[in-house]
């Protein structure tokens, strides 16, 4: 399931897009910046970062994807 920006503000804290992005990055949670410039991620990505996932996420290089 997708975790959108407003929910991420509740989960990781922060009052701005920049705050949320910094907190996601520090926590090692993979995310994508959507077309409105707001980050989003998935429950699976959060669970995996917390060690709650049984399957490993593929290891990739860090990149930024801009959706227009």
Protein backbone atom coordinates (compact mmCIF):
# COMPACT_ATOMS: atom_id res chain seq x y z
CA UNK A 1 0.00 0.00 0.00
CA UNK A 2 1.21 3.53 -0.80
CA UNK A 3 1.98 5.86 2.11
CA UNK A 4 1.35 9.41 0.95
CA UNK A 5 2.95 12.65 2.13
CA UNK A 6 0.32 13.63 4.72
CA UNK A 7 0.61 10.22 6.40
CA UNK A 8 4.41 10.37 6.24
CA UNK A 9 4.29 13.65 8.17
CA UNK A 10 2.50 11.78 10.96
CA UNK A 11 4.73 8.71 10.82
CA UNK A 12 8.22 10.26 10.54
CA UNK A 13 7.45 13.79 11.71
CA UNK A 14 8.24 17.08 10.07
CA UNK A 15 6.25 20.10 9.04
CA UNK A 16 7.50 20.59 5.49
CA UNK A 17 8.39 18.51 2.46
CA UNK A 18 12.07 19.08 3.19
CA UNK A 19 11.67 17.89 6.80
CA UNK A 20 9.94 14.70 5.70
CA UNK A 21 12.56 13.97 3.01
CA UNK A 22 15.41 14.46 5.50
CA UNK A 23 13.75 12.16 8.04
CA UNK A 24 13.05 9.48 5.43
CA UNK A 25 16.66 9.67 4.24
CA UNK A 26 18.08 9.47 7.77
CA UNK A 27 15.87 6.47 8.53
CA UNK A 28 16.97 4.74 5.31
CA UNK A 29 13.39 4.51 4.01
CA UNK A 30 13.28 4.50 0.20
CA UNK A 31 10.89 7.05 -1.29
CA UNK A 32 9.91 8.72 -4.54
CA UNK A 33 9.19 12.40 -5.12
CA UNK A 34 5.84 12.63 -6.90
CA UNK A 35 4.67 15.08 -9.52
CA UNK A 36 3.62 17.65 -6.88
CA UNK A 37 7.08 17.53 -5.32
CA UNK A 38 5.92 15.49 -2.32
CA UNK A 39 7.57 12.26 -1.19
CA UNK A 40 5.72 8.98 -0.95
CA UNK A 41 6.72 5.41 -0.17
CA UNK A 42 5.12 2.04 0.56
CA UNK A 43 4.24 0.18 3.73
CA UNK A 44 6.53 -2.61 2.56
CA UNK A 45 9.48 -0.20 2.31
CA UNK A 46 8.85 1.09 5.84
CA UNK A 47 8.37 -2.41 7.25
CA UNK A 48 11.54 -3.65 5.55
CA UNK A 49 13.56 -0.76 6.98
CA UNK A 50 12.23 -1.63 10.43
CA UNK A 51 13.18 -5.28 10.00
CA UNK A 52 9.57 -6.44 9.83
CA UNK A 53 9.67 -7.84 6.31
CA UNK A 54 10.37 -11.46 5.50
CA UNK A 55 11.56 -10.72 1.99
CA UNK A 56 14.49 -8.52 1.08
CA UNK A 57 14.00 -5.47 -1.08
CA UNK A 58 16.36 -5.36 -4.04
CA UNK A 59 19.51 -3.34 -3.42
CA UNK A 60 19.76 -0.40 -5.77
CA UNK A 61 21.77 2.74 -6.07
CA UNK A 62 20.18 5.89 -4.69
CA UNK A 63 18.43 7.91 -7.39
CA UNK A 64 15.86 10.63 -7.74
CA UNK A 65 12.89 10.15 -10.06
CA UNK A 66 10.81 13.14 -11.04
CA UNK A 67 7.28 12.36 -12.20
CA UNK A 68 5.67 15.02 -14.36
